[in-house]
Amino acid sequence: MTDPIAPDPNESPEHSESTPGISANPEVDASSASTRPIDRRRYLIVASAVVILLAAATSILFLMQRDSPLEAARQACGAGREDWAMLGDDGNSLTLRSVGKERTGLKLEQLQCYWTELDVPDAVIAEIEGTRALDGRQSGEWEDMGASWIYHPDDGLQMIITLSN
């Protein structure tokens, strides 16, 4: 006796009833099943790459928009007039001018604010405060910054601070 559910070996594949999820061609099923994990892997690789690129772009934009230490110091300490604390070179240099006998400028307290904000070492501050008109232009360096300055009692202190990226 034959099983009524079993397919008839004499029947052609075109006439056989197809069962959902089962193909008449097992090789096609095997190839499509094996490509599914590859497609998922490709999707995960592409998605991971996109996430990494977005994170890198966001980081770069954040760093580009961040104020330089010189700009941050100027915001914290104020400028008085524009020519007393001038930013230059796209935020990479700062020129400070102090008060003198014949000229207005930043007061000592404001200069000290800049020096504190920019972490100027005590040794460099001592050199600045000890500079005489006869000494000419002096300079000092610390961490990632450098400075040069000149002093005259009539004109006060002119100090240029630069980032040494």
Protein backbone atom coordinates (compact mmCIF):
# COMPACT_ATOMS: atom_id res chain seq x y z
CA MET A 1 0.00 0.00 0.00
CA THR A 2 1.27 3.46 -0.84
CA ASP A 3 1.18 6.52 1.36
CA PRO A 4 -1.35 9.03 -0.01
CA ILE A 5 0.71 11.98 1.32
CA ALA A 6 4.05 10.90 -0.13
CA PRO A 7 4.82 12.32 -3.57
CA ASP A 8 4.51 10.00 -6.50
CA PRO A 9 7.96 9.37 -8.05
CA ASN A 10 6.32 9.08 -11.48
CA GLU A 11 4.79 12.55 -11.23
CA SER A 12 6.74 15.40 -12.87
CA PRO A 13 7.94 18.33 -10.70
CA GLU A 14 5.77 20.81 -12.62
CA HIS A 15 2.64 19.04 -11.47
CA SER A 16 3.65 18.45 -7.91
CA GLU A 17 2.11 20.60 -5.27
CA SER A 18 4.59 22.92 -3.63
CA THR A 19 4.67 23.05 0.09
CA PRO A 20 5.19 26.56 1.51
CA GLY A 21 8.82 27.11 2.52
CA ILE A 22 10.02 24.07 0.56
CA SER A 23 11.38 24.51 -2.93
CA ALA A 24 11.45 21.93 -5.65
CA ASN A 25 15.12 22.77 -6.17
CA PRO A 26 17.14 22.16 -2.98
CA GLU A 27 20.28 23.79 -4.47
CA VAL A 28 18.48 27.16 -4.73
CA ASP A 29 17.35 26.88 -1.11
CA ALA A 30 20.89 26.13 0.03
CA SER A 31 22.41 29.07 -1.86
CA SER A 32 19.82 31.59 -0.69
CA ALA A 33 20.12 30.35 2.89
CA SER A 34 23.88 30.71 2.78
CA THR A 35 23.70 34.28 1.40
CA ARG A 36 21.42 35.49 4.18
CA PRO A 37 24.18 35.49 6.83
CA ILE A 38 26.54 37.19 4.34
CA ASP A 39 23.94 39.89 3.66
CA ARG A 40 23.56 40.42 7.41
CA ARG A 41 27.33 40.62 7.85
CA ARG A 42 27.62 43.14 5.03
CA TYR A 43 24.81 45.19 6.55
CA LEU A 44 26.52 45.13 9.95
CA ILE A 45 29.88 46.10 8.43
CA VAL A 46 28.35 48.98 6.47
CA ALA A 47 26.32 50.14 9.47
CA SER A 48 29.40 50.00 11.71
CA ALA A 49 31.45 51.96 9.19
CA VAL A 50 28.75 54.63 8.95
CA VAL A 51 28.58 54.94 12.74
CA ILE A 52 32.38 55.24 12.99
CA LEU A 53 32.49 57.89 10.25
CA LEU A 54 29.69 59.88 11.90
CA ALA A 55 31.47 59.75 15.26
CA ALA A 56 34.73 60.91 13.69
CA ALA A 57 33.02 63.76 11.83
CA THR A 58 31.22 64.87 15.00
CA SER A 59 34.49 64.84 16.95
CA ILE A 60 36.26 66.88 14.29
CA LEU A 61 33.44 69.44 14.19
CA PHE A 62 33.44 69.68 17.97
CA LEU A 63 37.18 70.27 18.07
CA MET A 64 37.01 72.84 15.30
CA GLN A 65 34.30 74.81 17.08
CA ARG A 66 36.05 74.78 20.42
CA ASP A 67 37.61 78.07 21.43
CA SER A 68 41.37 78.22 21.56
CA PRO A 69 42.84 78.76 25.04
CA LEU A 70 43.60 82.33 24.01
CA GLU A 71 39.99 83.00 23.03
CA ALA A 72 38.77 81.39 26.26
CA ALA A 73 41.13 83.58 28.31
CA ARG A 74 39.91 86.68 26.50
CA GLN A 75 36.31 85.77 27.27
CA ALA A 76 37.14 85.08 30.93
CA CYS A 77 39.28 88.19 31.52
CA GLY A 78 37.69 90.71 29.20
CA ALA A 79 39.40 93.00 26.76
CA GLY A 80 38.51 96.51 27.82
CA ARG A 81 38.94 98.11 24.45
CA GLU A 82 39.49 95.97 21.39
CA ASP A 83 43.12 97.07 20.99
CA TRP A 84 44.02 96.12 24.58
CA ALA A 85 43.57 92.38 24.00
CA MET A 86 43.59 91.49 20.31
CA LEU A 87 43.16 87.98 18.95
CA GLY A 88 44.93 87.18 15.72
CA ASP A 89 45.87 84.31 13.44
CA ASP A 90 42.45 82.63 13.78
CA GLY A 91 42.71 82.52 17.58
CA ASN A 92 46.34 81.35 17.64
CA SER A 93 47.84 84.62 18.89
CA LEU A 94 46.84 87.18 21.50
CA THR A 95 48.38 90.64 21.89
CA LEU A 96 47.99 92.26 25.31
CA ARG A 97 48.69 95.94 25.97
CA SER A 98 48.84 97.29 29.48
CA VAL A 99 48.43 100.78 30.84
CA GLY A 100 51.47 103.10 30.81
CA LYS A 101 52.11 106.73 31.80
CA GLU A 102 51.01 108.00 28.39
CA ARG A 103 48.67 105.28 27.30
CA THR A 104 45.58 103.38 28.42
CA GLY A 105 45.45 99.61 28.50
CA LEU A 106 44.84 96.56 30.63
CA LYS A 107 45.38 96.98 34.35
CA LEU A 108 47.72 94.67 36.27
CA GLU A 109 44.75 92.70 37.65
CA GLN A 110 43.53 91.98 34.12
CA LEU A 111 47.01 90.89 33.01
CA GLN A 112 47.22 88.58 36.01
CA CYS A 113 43.83 87.12 35.02
CA TYR A 114 45.23 86.29 31.56
CA TRP A 115 48.37 84.78 33.05
CA THR A 116 46.29 82.63 35.39
CA GLU A 117 43.90 81.50 32.63
CA LEU A 118 46.81 80.61 30.35
CA ASP A 119 48.79 78.81 33.09
CA VAL A 120 51.82 81.04 32.66
CA PRO A 121 54.53 79.67 34.99
CA ASP A 122 55.66 81.80 37.92
CA ALA A 123 59.18 81.98 36.46
CA VAL A 124 57.90 83.58 33.24
CA ILE A 125 55.69 85.99 35.22
CA ALA A 126 58.73 87.00 37.28
CA GLU A 127 60.67 87.65 34.06
CA ILE A 128 57.79 89.77 32.69
CA GLU A 129 57.49 91.80 35.88
CA GLY A 130 61.28 92.32 36.01
CA THR A 131 61.62 93.57 32.44
CA ARG A 132 63.01 97.09 32.03
CA ALA A 133 62.81 99.36 29.00
CA LEU A 134 66.53 98.82 28.37
CA ASP A 135 66.10 95.03 28.20
CA GLY A 136 64.43 95.05 24.79
CA ARG A 137 62.11 92.27 23.67
CA GLN A 138 62.09 89.27 25.98
CA SER A 139 60.52 85.86 25.49
CA GLY A 140 59.42 82.77 27.37
CA GLU A 141 57.80 79.41 26.64
CA TRP A 142 55.62 76.94 28.53
CA GLU A 143 53.58 73.87 27.62
CA ASP A 144 52.16 74.60 24.15
CA MET A 145 52.52 78.39 24.25
CA GLY A 146 55.18 80.99 23.82
CA ALA A 147 55.28 84.70 24.56
CA SER A 148 57.38 87.71 23.77
CA TRP A 149 57.06 91.10 25.41
CA ILE A 150 58.52 94.55 25.64
CA TYR A 151 58.05 97.10 28.38
CA HIS A 152 58.39 100.89 28.54
CA PRO A 153 57.03 103.00 31.41
CA ASP A 154 55.34 105.42 29.00
CA ASP A 155 53.73 102.74 26.84
CA GLY A 156 53.28 99.91 29.34
CA LEU A 157 53.69 96.25 28.53
CA GLN A 158 53.08 94.84 25.07
CA MET A 159 52.91 91.06 25.17
CA ILE A 160 52.28 88.65 22.30
CA ILE A 161 51.24 85.13 23.26
CA THR A 162 51.14 82.44 20.58
CA LEU A 163 50.06 78.82 20.46
CA SER A 164 52.84 76.56 19.28
CA ASN A 165 50.68 73.77 17.76
